[in-house]
Amino acid sequence: MDEIGLFPLGVVLLPTERIPLHIFEPRYRQLIGECLTGGQEFGLVLGDDDAMQTVGTFARVTEVLNRFDDGRLDVVVAGGRRFEIAERTEGRSYQTALVESYDDEADPAPADDIARAVGLYSRLVELTGSDADAPDAAAPALSFELAARFEFVPSLKQELLEARSERRRLARLCEMLELATEVVERQHEIALLASTNGHAKPGGP
């Protein structure tokens, strides 16, 4: 087991995902400063000082965007491997824990689900007008790569993070993408009706 510094937040960081963080609390400025100096990772977990999830993601600072005179930092972090908290520890200004690796079972997703997920992703990109790159359908953890490109609520992302089967995870992601597609399509329909004062335009020349 490894002992790492923990950074509990109200967000979930998925493997392969990159997110910006504003570091302002002194204890977490110390944690990030030590990670920058030593090149080590820290653990990002969903929660707060009173309660946190037990499965989180190793995070590494990939870019420092701003350093403020008062010590605050704007950074970008990237998600790596998952971990499970085995035991909380003490002795630092920030929270620490002994953690164990949290790996997938040997349960790959079938080709049909992969094609379905990529198709739903492409449809959402088209509907939202995004310029996001096409995903690598051969990626070993395609579910994480796709989910990291959308703003799902933390509870859904935590559900994906804790799933230990790429097959089950991708099937659940397809459900989420289908719902998101239906919502965006409905928004487009409402916008179209609003532009015509609620009346559909008749066909014909």
N, C-alpha and C. Protein backbone atom coordinates (compact mmCIF):
# COMPACT_ATOMS: atom_id res chain seq x y z
N MET A 1 0.85 -1.20 0.00
CA MET A 1 0.00 0.00 0.00
C MET A 1 0.87 1.24 0.00
N ASP A 2 0.34 2.30 -0.59
CA ASP A 2 1.03 3.58 -0.63
C ASP A 2 0.29 4.59 0.23
N GLU A 3 1.03 5.50 0.85
CA GLU A 3 0.41 6.61 1.57
C GLU A 3 0.46 7.84 0.67
N ILE A 4 -0.69 8.45 0.46
CA ILE A 4 -0.76 9.63 -0.41
C ILE A 4 -1.54 10.73 0.27
N GLY A 5 -1.33 11.96 -0.19
CA GLY A 5 -2.14 13.07 0.24
C GLY A 5 -3.48 13.06 -0.47
N LEU A 6 -4.53 13.39 0.26
CA LEU A 6 -5.88 13.39 -0.30
C LEU A 6 -6.37 14.82 -0.50
N PHE A 7 -7.10 15.01 -1.58
CA PHE A 7 -7.72 16.30 -1.88
C PHE A 7 -9.21 16.03 -2.12
N PRO A 8 -10.04 16.12 -1.07
CA PRO A 8 -11.48 15.91 -1.26
C PRO A 8 -12.13 17.14 -1.89
N LEU A 9 -12.93 16.91 -2.92
CA LEU A 9 -13.61 17.99 -3.64
C LEU A 9 -15.00 17.53 -4.03
N GLY A 10 -15.80 18.45 -4.48
CA GLY A 10 -17.15 18.13 -4.95
C GLY A 10 -17.18 17.73 -6.41
N VAL A 11 -16.08 17.23 -6.92
CA VAL A 11 -16.00 16.78 -8.31
C VAL A 11 -15.36 15.40 -8.35
N VAL A 12 -15.58 14.71 -9.47
CA VAL A 12 -14.96 13.41 -9.70
C VAL A 12 -14.01 13.54 -10.88
N LEU A 13 -12.79 13.07 -10.69
CA LEU A 13 -11.79 13.06 -11.76
C LEU A 13 -11.69 11.64 -12.29
N LEU A 14 -12.01 11.46 -13.57
CA LEU A 14 -11.93 10.14 -14.19
C LEU A 14 -10.54 9.89 -14.75
N PRO A 15 -10.12 8.64 -14.85
CA PRO A 15 -8.87 8.35 -15.56
C PRO A 15 -8.92 8.93 -16.97
N THR A 16 -7.82 9.53 -17.40
CA THR A 16 -7.63 10.22 -18.69
C THR A 16 -8.20 11.63 -18.70
N GLU A 17 -8.99 12.00 -17.69
CA GLU A 17 -9.63 13.32 -17.69
C GLU A 17 -8.66 14.40 -17.20
N ARG A 18 -8.80 15.60 -17.73
CA ARG A 18 -8.04 16.76 -17.28
C ARG A 18 -9.01 17.83 -16.82
N ILE A 19 -8.76 18.40 -15.64
CA ILE A 19 -9.62 19.46 -15.13
C ILE A 19 -8.76 20.56 -14.50
N PRO A 20 -9.25 21.81 -14.53
CA PRO A 20 -8.54 22.89 -13.86
C PRO A 20 -8.93 22.95 -12.38
N LEU A 21 -7.99 23.33 -11.53
CA LEU A 21 -8.25 23.50 -10.11
C LEU A 21 -7.68 24.83 -9.65
N HIS A 22 -8.42 25.51 -8.78
CA HIS A 22 -7.91 26.72 -8.13
C HIS A 22 -7.54 26.34 -6.70
N ILE A 23 -6.28 26.42 -6.36
CA ILE A 23 -5.78 25.99 -5.06
C ILE A 23 -5.59 27.21 -4.17
N PHE A 24 -6.41 27.29 -3.10
CA PHE A 24 -6.34 28.49 -2.26
C PHE A 24 -6.14 28.18 -0.77
N GLU A 25 -6.62 27.04 -0.28
CA GLU A 25 -6.42 26.72 1.14
C GLU A 25 -4.95 26.42 1.40
N PRO A 26 -4.38 26.94 2.50
CA PRO A 26 -2.95 26.72 2.78
C PRO A 26 -2.55 25.25 2.79
N ARG A 27 -3.37 24.37 3.34
CA ARG A 27 -3.00 22.95 3.43
C ARG A 27 -2.91 22.32 2.04
N TYR A 28 -3.79 22.73 1.14
CA TYR A 28 -3.74 22.15 -0.19
C TYR A 28 -2.71 22.85 -1.08
N ARG A 29 -2.38 24.10 -0.74
CA ARG A 29 -1.24 24.73 -1.40
C ARG A 29 0.03 23.98 -1.03
N GLN A 30 0.11 23.52 0.24
CA GLN A 30 1.27 22.73 0.65
C GLN A 30 1.29 21.40 -0.09
N LEU A 31 0.15 20.73 -0.18
CA LEU A 31 0.08 19.44 -0.87
C LEU A 31 0.51 19.57 -2.33
N ILE A 32 -0.06 20.53 -3.04
CA ILE A 32 0.25 20.69 -4.45
C ILE A 32 1.70 21.14 -4.62
N GLY A 33 2.19 21.99 -3.71
CA GLY A 33 3.58 22.41 -3.78
C GLY A 33 4.53 21.24 -3.64
N GLU A 34 4.24 20.32 -2.71
CA GLU A 34 5.08 19.14 -2.53
C GLU A 34 5.02 18.22 -3.75
N CYS A 35 3.84 18.10 -4.33
CA CYS A 35 3.70 17.27 -5.53
C CYS A 35 4.49 17.86 -6.70
N LEU A 36 4.46 19.18 -6.82
CA LEU A 36 5.22 19.83 -7.89
C LEU A 36 6.72 19.66 -7.68
N THR A 37 7.15 19.79 -6.44
CA THR A 37 8.58 19.69 -6.14
C THR A 37 9.09 18.25 -6.31
N GLY A 38 8.30 17.30 -5.83
CA GLY A 38 8.75 15.91 -5.86
C GLY A 38 8.27 15.11 -7.05
N GLY A 39 7.36 15.70 -7.83
CA GLY A 39 6.86 14.98 -9.00
C GLY A 39 5.91 13.85 -8.68
N GLN A 40 5.34 13.82 -7.47
CA GLN A 40 4.46 12.73 -7.11
C GLN A 40 3.00 13.08 -7.37
N GLU A 41 2.16 12.07 -7.23
CA GLU A 41 0.73 12.24 -7.42
C GLU A 41 0.04 12.45 -6.08
N PHE A 42 -1.19 12.93 -6.13
CA PHE A 42 -2.05 13.00 -4.95
C PHE A 42 -3.36 12.33 -5.30
N GLY A 43 -4.22 12.14 -4.29
CA GLY A 43 -5.49 11.47 -4.53
C GLY A 43 -6.65 12.44 -4.51
N LEU A 44 -7.40 12.48 -5.59
CA LEU A 44 -8.59 13.32 -5.64
C LEU A 44 -9.81 12.43 -5.40
N VAL A 45 -10.60 12.79 -4.39
CA VAL A 45 -11.76 11.99 -4.02
C VAL A 45 -12.98 12.90 -3.89
N LEU A 46 -14.14 12.34 -4.20
CA LEU A 46 -15.39 13.08 -4.07
C LEU A 46 -15.77 13.13 -2.60
N GLY A 47 -15.96 14.36 -2.06
CA GLY A 47 -16.35 14.49 -0.67
C GLY A 47 -15.84 15.77 -0.07
N ASP A 48 -15.81 15.78 1.28
CA ASP A 48 -15.30 16.93 2.03
C ASP A 48 -14.61 16.43 3.28
N ASP A 49 -14.32 17.34 4.20
CA ASP A 49 -13.59 16.94 5.41
C ASP A 49 -14.38 15.96 6.27
N ASP A 50 -15.70 16.03 6.21
CA ASP A 50 -16.53 15.20 7.08
C ASP A 50 -16.80 13.81 6.50
N ALA A 51 -16.93 13.72 5.20
CA ALA A 51 -17.24 12.43 4.57
C ALA A 51 -16.72 12.44 3.14
N MET A 52 -16.16 11.32 2.74
CA MET A 52 -15.66 11.22 1.37
C MET A 52 -15.84 9.80 0.88
N GLN A 53 -15.88 9.66 -0.45
CA GLN A 53 -15.97 8.34 -1.06
C GLN A 53 -14.66 7.58 -0.82
N THR A 54 -14.72 6.27 -0.90
CA THR A 54 -13.52 5.48 -0.65
C THR A 54 -12.74 5.19 -1.92
N VAL A 55 -13.35 5.37 -3.09
CA VAL A 55 -12.66 5.15 -4.37
C VAL A 55 -12.40 6.50 -5.03
N GLY A 56 -11.15 6.75 -5.35
CA GLY A 56 -10.76 8.01 -5.97
C GLY A 56 -9.77 7.77 -7.10
N THR A 57 -9.15 8.85 -7.53
CA THR A 57 -8.26 8.81 -8.69
C THR A 57 -6.93 9.47 -8.36
N PHE A 58 -5.84 8.82 -8.73
CA PHE A 58 -4.54 9.47 -8.64
C PHE A 58 -4.51 10.64 -9.62
N ALA A 59 -4.05 11.78 -9.14
CA ALA A 59 -4.00 12.98 -9.97
C ALA A 59 -2.57 13.52 -10.02
N ARG A 60 -2.20 14.00 -11.19
CA ARG A 60 -0.88 14.60 -11.37
C ARG A 60 -1.04 15.99 -11.98
N VAL A 61 -0.31 16.95 -11.44
CA VAL A 61 -0.35 18.30 -12.00
C VAL A 61 0.41 18.30 -13.33
N THR A 62 -0.28 18.69 -14.40
CA THR A 62 0.34 18.71 -15.73
C THR A 62 0.70 20.12 -16.17
N GLU A 63 0.09 21.12 -15.53
CA GLU A 63 0.36 22.50 -15.95
C GLU A 63 0.02 23.46 -14.82
N VAL A 64 0.87 24.43 -14.61
CA VAL A 64 0.59 25.52 -13.68
C VAL A 64 0.19 26.73 -14.52
N LEU A 65 -1.06 27.15 -14.38
CA LEU A 65 -1.57 28.24 -15.20
C LEU A 65 -1.23 29.61 -14.61
N ASN A 66 -1.37 29.72 -13.28
CA ASN A 66 -1.11 31.00 -12.62
C ASN A 66 -0.55 30.76 -11.23
N ARG A 67 0.39 31.60 -10.84
CA ARG A 67 0.88 31.65 -9.46
C ARG A 67 0.60 33.05 -8.94
N PHE A 68 -0.16 33.15 -7.87
CA PHE A 68 -0.52 34.44 -7.31
C PHE A 68 0.43 34.81 -6.18
N ASP A 69 0.53 36.10 -5.92
CA ASP A 69 1.46 36.60 -4.91
C ASP A 69 1.15 36.06 -3.51
N ASP A 70 -0.13 35.76 -3.26
CA ASP A 70 -0.51 35.27 -1.93
C ASP A 70 -0.38 33.75 -1.80
N GLY A 71 0.17 33.10 -2.82
CA GLY A 71 0.40 31.66 -2.75
C GLY A 71 -0.64 30.80 -3.43
N ARG A 72 -1.73 31.42 -3.87
CA ARG A 72 -2.75 30.63 -4.57
C ARG A 72 -2.22 30.17 -5.93
N LEU A 73 -2.81 29.08 -6.44
CA LEU A 73 -2.38 28.51 -7.72
C LEU A 73 -3.58 28.15 -8.58
N ASP A 74 -3.44 28.32 -9.86
CA ASP A 74 -4.36 27.73 -10.84
C ASP A 74 -3.58 26.65 -11.57
N VAL A 75 -4.07 25.41 -11.51
CA VAL A 75 -3.34 24.30 -12.13
C VAL A 75 -4.30 23.46 -12.96
N VAL A 76 -3.74 22.63 -13.81
CA VAL A 76 -4.48 21.59 -14.52
C VAL A 76 -3.96 20.25 -14.03
N VAL A 77 -4.89 19.35 -13.68
CA VAL A 77 -4.49 18.02 -13.23
C VAL A 77 -5.08 16.97 -14.15
N ALA A 78 -4.37 15.86 -14.28
CA ALA A 78 -4.81 14.75 -15.13
C ALA A 78 -5.05 13.52 -14.27
N GLY A 79 -6.13 12.81 -14.58
CA GLY A 79 -6.48 11.61 -13.84
C GLY A 79 -5.70 10.39 -14.34
N GLY A 80 -5.23 9.60 -13.40
CA GLY A 80 -4.50 8.38 -13.74
C GLY A 80 -5.22 7.15 -13.22
N ARG A 81 -4.51 6.31 -12.49
CA ARG A 81 -5.09 5.08 -11.96
C ARG A 81 -6.10 5.38 -10.86
N ARG A 82 -6.96 4.40 -10.61
CA ARG A 82 -7.89 4.51 -9.50
C ARG A 82 -7.30 3.86 -8.24
N PHE A 83 -7.79 4.28 -7.10
CA PHE A 83 -7.35 3.69 -5.83
C PHE A 83 -8.54 3.55 -4.90
N GLU A 84 -8.36 2.71 -3.87
CA GLU A 84 -9.35 2.58 -2.81
C GLU A 84 -8.68 2.86 -1.48
N ILE A 85 -9.32 3.68 -0.68
CA ILE A 85 -8.77 4.03 0.63
C ILE A 85 -8.87 2.83 1.56
N ALA A 86 -7.75 2.41 2.09
CA ALA A 86 -7.73 1.29 3.03
C ALA A 86 -7.74 1.78 4.47
N GLU A 87 -7.05 2.91 4.71
CA GLU A 87 -6.96 3.42 6.08
C GLU A 87 -6.56 4.89 6.04
N ARG A 88 -7.30 5.72 6.76
CA ARG A 88 -6.95 7.13 6.87
C ARG A 88 -5.77 7.27 7.84
N THR A 89 -4.86 8.18 7.54
CA THR A 89 -3.69 8.41 8.39
C THR A 89 -3.64 9.87 8.81
N GLU A 90 -2.70 10.19 9.68
CA GLU A 90 -2.59 11.54 10.23
C GLU A 90 -1.13 11.99 10.22
N GLY A 91 -0.93 13.25 10.56
CA GLY A 91 0.42 13.77 10.70
C GLY A 91 0.76 14.90 9.76
N ARG A 92 -0.11 15.21 8.79
CA ARG A 92 0.15 16.29 7.88
C ARG A 92 -0.97 17.33 8.00
N SER A 93 -0.73 18.51 7.47
CA SER A 93 -1.77 19.54 7.51
C SER A 93 -2.95 19.17 6.63
N TYR A 94 -2.69 18.39 5.58
CA TYR A 94 -3.76 17.91 4.70
C TYR A 94 -4.06 16.45 5.04
N GLN A 95 -5.16 15.96 4.54
CA GLN A 95 -5.56 14.59 4.83
C GLN A 95 -4.70 13.60 4.05
N THR A 96 -4.45 12.46 4.66
CA THR A 96 -3.64 11.41 4.03
C THR A 96 -4.30 10.06 4.26
N ALA A 97 -3.88 9.08 3.48
CA ALA A 97 -4.44 7.73 3.63
C ALA A 97 -3.52 6.71 3.00
N LEU A 98 -3.63 5.48 3.50
CA LEU A 98 -3.03 4.34 2.84
C LEU A 98 -4.03 3.84 1.80
N VAL A 99 -3.56 3.65 0.58
CA VAL A 99 -4.48 3.28 -0.50
C VAL A 99 -3.98 2.04 -1.23
N GLU A 100 -4.94 1.33 -1.83
CA GLU A 100 -4.65 0.16 -2.64
C GLU A 100 -5.12 0.40 -4.06
N SER A 101 -4.48 -0.23 -5.01
CA SER A 101 -4.87 -0.10 -6.40
C SER A 101 -6.28 -0.66 -6.60
N TYR A 102 -7.04 -0.03 -7.47
CA TYR A 102 -8.43 -0.41 -7.73
C TYR A 102 -8.55 -0.67 -9.22
N ASP A 103 -8.48 -1.93 -9.61
CA ASP A 103 -8.37 -2.29 -11.02
C ASP A 103 -9.63 -2.95 -11.55
N ASP A 104 -9.73 -2.99 -12.88
CA ASP A 104 -10.86 -3.65 -13.54
C ASP A 104 -10.72 -5.16 -13.50
N GLU A 105 -11.87 -5.82 -13.57
CA GLU A 105 -11.90 -7.26 -13.81
C GLU A 105 -11.68 -7.48 -15.31
N ALA A 106 -11.39 -8.72 -15.68
CA ALA A 106 -11.23 -9.06 -17.10
C ALA A 106 -12.60 -9.23 -17.72
N ASP A 107 -13.21 -8.12 -18.10
CA ASP A 107 -14.58 -8.14 -18.63
C ASP A 107 -14.71 -7.06 -19.70
N PRO A 108 -14.09 -7.27 -20.86
CA PRO A 108 -14.10 -6.23 -21.90
C PRO A 108 -15.48 -6.02 -22.50
N ALA A 109 -15.68 -4.84 -23.07
CA ALA A 109 -16.96 -4.51 -23.70
C ALA A 109 -17.06 -5.16 -25.07
N PRO A 110 -18.25 -5.64 -25.46
CA PRO A 110 -18.42 -6.23 -26.79
C PRO A 110 -18.37 -5.15 -27.87
N ALA A 111 -18.06 -5.57 -29.08
CA ALA A 111 -17.91 -4.63 -30.20
C ALA A 111 -19.18 -3.83 -30.45
N ASP A 112 -20.35 -4.45 -30.27
CA ASP A 112 -21.61 -3.74 -30.51
C ASP A 112 -21.77 -2.56 -29.55
N ASP A 113 -21.41 -2.75 -28.29
CA ASP A 113 -21.53 -1.67 -27.31
C ASP A 113 -20.52 -0.56 -27.60
N ILE A 114 -19.35 -0.94 -28.04
CA ILE A 114 -18.34 0.06 -28.40
C ILE A 114 -18.85 0.92 -29.55
N ALA A 115 -19.38 0.29 -30.59
CA ALA A 115 -19.91 1.02 -31.74
C ALA A 115 -21.08 1.91 -31.33
N ARG A 116 -21.93 1.39 -30.44
CA ARG A 116 -23.08 2.17 -29.97
C ARG A 116 -22.63 3.40 -29.20
N ALA A 117 -21.65 3.23 -28.32
CA ALA A 117 -21.16 4.36 -27.53
C ALA A 117 -20.51 5.42 -28.41
N VAL A 118 -19.70 5.00 -29.36
CA VAL A 118 -19.05 5.96 -30.26
C VAL A 118 -20.09 6.69 -31.10
N GLY A 119 -21.13 5.96 -31.54
CA GLY A 119 -22.18 6.58 -32.32
C GLY A 119 -22.95 7.62 -31.53
N LEU A 120 -23.27 7.30 -30.29
CA LEU A 120 -23.98 8.25 -29.43
C LEU A 120 -23.12 9.48 -29.14
N TYR A 121 -21.84 9.24 -28.92
CA TYR A 121 -20.92 10.35 -28.69
C TYR A 121 -20.89 11.28 -29.92
N SER A 122 -20.78 10.70 -31.11
CA SER A 122 -20.73 11.50 -32.33
C SER A 122 -22.01 12.29 -32.53
N ARG A 123 -23.15 11.68 -32.19
CA ARG A 123 -24.43 12.37 -32.32
C ARG A 123 -24.51 13.55 -31.36
N LEU A 124 -24.05 13.38 -30.14
CA LEU A 124 -24.07 14.48 -29.17
C LEU A 124 -23.14 15.61 -29.60
N VAL A 125 -21.97 15.25 -30.13
CA VAL A 125 -21.04 16.26 -30.62
C VAL A 125 -21.68 17.07 -31.74
N GLU A 126 -22.39 16.37 -32.62
CA GLU A 126 -23.07 17.04 -33.73
C GLU A 126 -24.17 17.97 -33.22
N LEU A 127 -24.96 17.50 -32.26
CA LEU A 127 -26.07 18.29 -31.75
C LEU A 127 -25.60 19.53 -31.00
N THR A 128 -24.50 19.42 -30.29
CA THR A 128 -24.00 20.53 -29.48
C THR A 128 -23.05 21.44 -30.23
N GLY A 129 -22.67 21.06 -31.46
CA GLY A 129 -21.76 21.89 -32.23
C GLY A 129 -20.35 21.90 -31.68
N SER A 130 -19.98 20.87 -30.95
CA SER A 130 -18.65 20.81 -30.36
C SER A 130 -17.61 20.47 -31.43
N ASP A 131 -16.37 20.90 -31.19
CA ASP A 131 -15.27 20.55 -32.09
C ASP A 131 -14.38 19.48 -31.47
N ALA A 132 -14.95 18.67 -30.57
CA ALA A 132 -14.18 17.63 -29.88
C ALA A 132 -13.65 16.61 -30.87
N ASP A 133 -12.47 16.09 -30.57
CA ASP A 133 -11.85 15.09 -31.43
C ASP A 133 -12.62 13.76 -31.35
N ALA A 134 -12.51 12.98 -32.40
CA ALA A 134 -13.12 11.66 -32.41
C ALA A 134 -12.37 10.76 -31.43
N PRO A 135 -13.08 9.93 -30.68
CA PRO A 135 -12.42 9.04 -29.71
C PRO A 135 -11.74 7.87 -30.40
N ASP A 136 -10.80 7.28 -29.70
CA ASP A 136 -10.13 6.07 -30.18
C ASP A 136 -10.96 4.87 -29.74
N ALA A 137 -11.69 4.27 -30.67
CA ALA A 137 -12.57 3.16 -30.32
C ALA A 137 -11.81 1.97 -29.77
N ALA A 138 -10.50 1.91 -30.03
CA ALA A 138 -9.70 0.79 -29.55
C ALA A 138 -9.11 1.04 -28.16
N ALA A 139 -9.40 2.19 -27.55
CA ALA A 139 -8.86 2.51 -26.23
C ALA A 139 -9.31 1.45 -25.22
N PRO A 140 -8.42 0.97 -24.35
CA PRO A 140 -8.78 -0.09 -23.41
C PRO A 140 -9.84 0.33 -22.40
N ALA A 141 -9.92 1.63 -22.09
CA ALA A 141 -10.94 2.14 -21.17
C ALA A 141 -11.71 3.25 -21.89
N LEU A 142 -12.38 2.87 -22.98
CA LEU A 142 -13.11 3.84 -23.79
C LEU A 142 -14.18 4.56 -22.97
N SER A 143 -14.79 3.85 -22.04
CA SER A 143 -15.85 4.46 -21.23
C SER A 143 -15.35 5.70 -20.50
N PHE A 144 -14.15 5.63 -19.93
CA PHE A 144 -13.60 6.78 -19.22
C PHE A 144 -13.28 7.91 -20.19
N GLU A 145 -12.70 7.57 -21.33
CA GLU A 145 -12.34 8.61 -22.30
C GLU A 145 -13.57 9.35 -22.80
N LEU A 146 -14.68 8.64 -23.01
CA LEU A 146 -15.90 9.28 -23.48
C LEU A 146 -16.56 10.09 -22.35
N ALA A 147 -16.69 9.49 -21.18
CA ALA A 147 -17.36 10.17 -20.07
C ALA A 147 -16.63 11.43 -19.65
N ALA A 148 -15.31 11.44 -19.81
CA ALA A 148 -14.51 12.61 -19.41
C ALA A 148 -14.79 13.81 -20.30
N ARG A 149 -15.46 13.61 -21.44
CA ARG A 149 -15.70 14.70 -22.39
C ARG A 149 -17.03 15.39 -22.17
N PHE A 150 -17.80 14.94 -21.16
CA PHE A 150 -19.11 15.51 -20.90
C PHE A 150 -19.24 15.92 -19.44
N GLU A 151 -20.16 16.85 -19.18
CA GLU A 151 -20.36 17.36 -17.83
C GLU A 151 -21.46 16.57 -17.13
N PHE A 152 -21.16 15.34 -16.77
CA PHE A 152 -22.10 14.55 -15.99
C PHE A 152 -22.02 14.97 -14.52
N VAL A 153 -23.13 14.77 -13.80
CA VAL A 153 -23.14 15.12 -12.38
C VAL A 153 -22.17 14.20 -11.63
N PRO A 154 -21.62 14.66 -10.50
CA PRO A 154 -20.62 13.86 -9.78
C PRO A 154 -21.10 12.46 -9.40
N SER A 155 -22.37 12.31 -9.02
CA SER A 155 -22.84 10.99 -8.60
C SER A 155 -22.77 9.97 -9.73
N LEU A 156 -23.08 10.40 -10.96
CA LEU A 156 -22.99 9.49 -12.10
C LEU A 156 -21.53 9.17 -12.44
N LYS A 157 -20.67 10.17 -12.35
CA LYS A 157 -19.26 9.93 -12.62
C LYS A 157 -18.65 9.01 -11.56
N GLN A 158 -19.09 9.16 -10.31
CA GLN A 158 -18.59 8.28 -9.25
C GLN A 158 -19.05 6.85 -9.50
N GLU A 159 -20.27 6.69 -9.99
CA GLU A 159 -20.77 5.36 -10.33
C GLU A 159 -19.88 4.70 -11.38
N LEU A 160 -19.50 5.45 -12.40
CA LEU A 160 -18.62 4.92 -13.43
C LEU A 160 -17.24 4.62 -12.86
N LEU A 161 -16.75 5.52 -12.01
CA LEU A 161 -15.42 5.34 -11.43
C LEU A 161 -15.33 4.05 -10.63
N GLU A 162 -16.39 3.71 -9.92
CA GLU A 162 -16.36 2.54 -9.05
C GLU A 162 -16.63 1.24 -9.79
N ALA A 163 -17.18 1.31 -11.00
CA ALA A 163 -17.46 0.08 -11.76
C ALA A 163 -16.15 -0.59 -12.15
N ARG A 164 -16.05 -1.90 -11.93
CA ARG A 164 -14.80 -2.61 -12.19
C ARG A 164 -14.88 -3.46 -13.46
N SER A 165 -15.85 -3.17 -14.30
CA SER A 165 -16.05 -3.90 -15.55
C SER A 165 -16.24 -2.90 -16.67
N GLU A 166 -15.38 -2.95 -17.69
CA GLU A 166 -15.55 -2.06 -18.83
C GLU A 166 -16.85 -2.36 -19.56
N ARG A 167 -17.26 -3.61 -19.58
CA ARG A 167 -18.52 -3.96 -20.23
C ARG A 167 -19.69 -3.28 -19.53
N ARG A 168 -19.79 -3.43 -18.22
CA ARG A 168 -20.89 -2.81 -17.48
C ARG A 168 -20.80 -1.30 -17.50
N ARG A 169 -19.57 -0.80 -17.42
CA ARG A 169 -19.38 0.66 -17.41
C ARG A 169 -19.81 1.27 -18.74
N LEU A 170 -19.45 0.64 -19.84
CA LEU A 170 -19.81 1.19 -21.15
C LEU A 170 -21.31 1.08 -21.39
N ALA A 171 -21.93 -0.01 -20.92
CA ALA A 171 -23.38 -0.14 -21.05
C ALA A 171 -24.09 0.97 -20.27
N ARG A 172 -23.60 1.26 -19.07
CA ARG A 172 -24.21 2.35 -18.27
C ARG A 172 -23.97 3.69 -18.93
N LEU A 173 -22.80 3.88 -19.49
CA LEU A 173 -22.50 5.14 -20.17
C LEU A 173 -23.42 5.33 -21.37
N CYS A 174 -23.70 4.27 -22.11
CA CYS A 174 -24.62 4.37 -23.24
C CYS A 174 -25.99 4.85 -22.78
N GLU A 175 -26.46 4.35 -21.65
CA GLU A 175 -27.74 4.82 -21.10
C GLU A 175 -27.68 6.31 -20.82
N MET A 176 -26.58 6.77 -20.24
CA MET A 176 -26.42 8.18 -19.91
C MET A 176 -26.35 9.03 -21.17
N LEU A 177 -25.64 8.54 -22.19
CA LEU A 177 -25.51 9.29 -23.44
C LEU A 177 -26.84 9.34 -24.18
N GLU A 178 -27.61 8.26 -24.14
CA GLU A 178 -28.91 8.25 -24.79
C GLU A 178 -29.84 9.28 -24.14
N LEU A 179 -29.83 9.33 -22.82
CA LEU A 179 -30.66 10.31 -22.11
C LEU A 179 -30.22 11.73 -22.45
N ALA A 180 -28.91 11.97 -22.47
CA ALA A 180 -28.40 13.29 -22.80
C ALA A 180 -28.78 13.67 -24.23
N THR A 181 -28.72 12.71 -25.15
CA THR A 181 -29.09 12.98 -26.54
C THR A 181 -30.56 13.35 -26.64
N GLU A 182 -31.42 12.63 -25.92
CA GLU A 182 -32.85 12.94 -25.93
C GLU A 182 -33.11 14.34 -25.41
N VAL A 183 -32.40 14.73 -24.35
CA VAL A 183 -32.59 16.06 -23.76
C VAL A 183 -32.18 17.14 -24.76
N VAL A 184 -31.02 16.98 -25.40
CA VAL A 184 -30.53 17.99 -26.35
C VAL A 184 -31.45 18.06 -27.57
N GLU A 185 -31.89 16.90 -28.06
CA GLU A 185 -32.81 16.90 -29.21
C GLU A 185 -34.12 17.61 -28.85
N ARG A 186 -34.61 17.39 -27.64
CA ARG A 186 -35.84 18.05 -27.20
C ARG A 186 -35.63 19.56 -27.10
N GLN A 187 -34.46 19.97 -26.62
CA GLN A 187 -34.16 21.40 -26.54
C GLN A 187 -34.15 22.04 -27.93
N HIS A 188 -33.62 21.30 -28.90
CA HIS A 188 -33.61 21.80 -30.28
C HIS A 188 -35.03 21.93 -30.82
N GLU A 189 -35.89 20.95 -30.50
CA GLU A 189 -37.27 21.01 -30.96
C GLU A 189 -37.99 22.22 -30.35
N ILE A 190 -37.76 22.46 -29.07
CA ILE A 190 -38.39 23.60 -28.40
C ILE A 190 -37.90 24.90 -29.01
N ALA A 191 -36.60 24.98 -29.28
CA ALA A 191 -36.04 26.19 -29.87
C ALA A 191 -36.63 26.43 -31.26
N LEU A 192 -36.84 25.35 -32.02
CA LEU A 192 -37.41 25.49 -33.35
C LEU A 192 -38.85 25.98 -33.28
N LEU A 193 -39.63 25.42 -32.36
CA LEU A 193 -41.01 25.87 -32.20
C LEU A 193 -41.07 27.32 -31.76
N ALA A 194 -40.16 27.70 -30.87
CA ALA A 194 -40.14 29.09 -30.40
C ALA A 194 -39.85 30.05 -31.54
N SER A 195 -38.97 29.62 -32.46
CA SER A 195 -38.61 30.50 -33.58
C SER A 195 -39.75 30.66 -34.57
N THR A 196 -40.75 29.77 -34.51
CA THR A 196 -41.90 29.85 -35.42
C THR A 196 -43.17 30.19 -34.64
N ASN A 197 -43.01 30.82 -33.46
CA ASN A 197 -44.14 31.19 -32.60
C ASN A 197 -45.00 30.00 -32.20
N GLY A 198 -44.35 28.84 -32.09
CA GLY A 198 -45.05 27.66 -31.65
C GLY A 198 -45.78 26.92 -32.72
N HIS A 199 -45.63 27.35 -33.98
CA HIS A 199 -46.31 26.68 -35.08
C HIS A 199 -45.29 26.12 -36.04
N ALA A 200 -45.44 24.87 -36.41
CA ALA A 200 -44.55 24.27 -37.38
C ALA A 200 -44.82 24.87 -38.75
N LYS A 201 -43.76 25.08 -39.52
CA LYS A 201 -43.92 25.62 -40.86
C LYS A 201 -44.46 24.55 -41.79
N PRO A 202 -45.49 24.85 -42.58
CA PRO A 202 -46.01 23.85 -43.51
C PRO A 202 -45.05 23.60 -44.63
N GLY A 203 -45.10 22.41 -45.21
CA GLY A 203 -44.23 22.12 -46.33
C GLY A 203 -44.76 22.69 -47.62
N GLY A 204 -44.08 22.42 -48.69
CA GLY A 204 -44.53 22.93 -49.99
C GLY A 204 -43.58 23.96 -50.53
N PRO A 205 -43.79 24.38 -51.79
CA PRO A 205 -42.90 25.36 -52.41
C PRO A 205 -43.05 26.73 -51.79
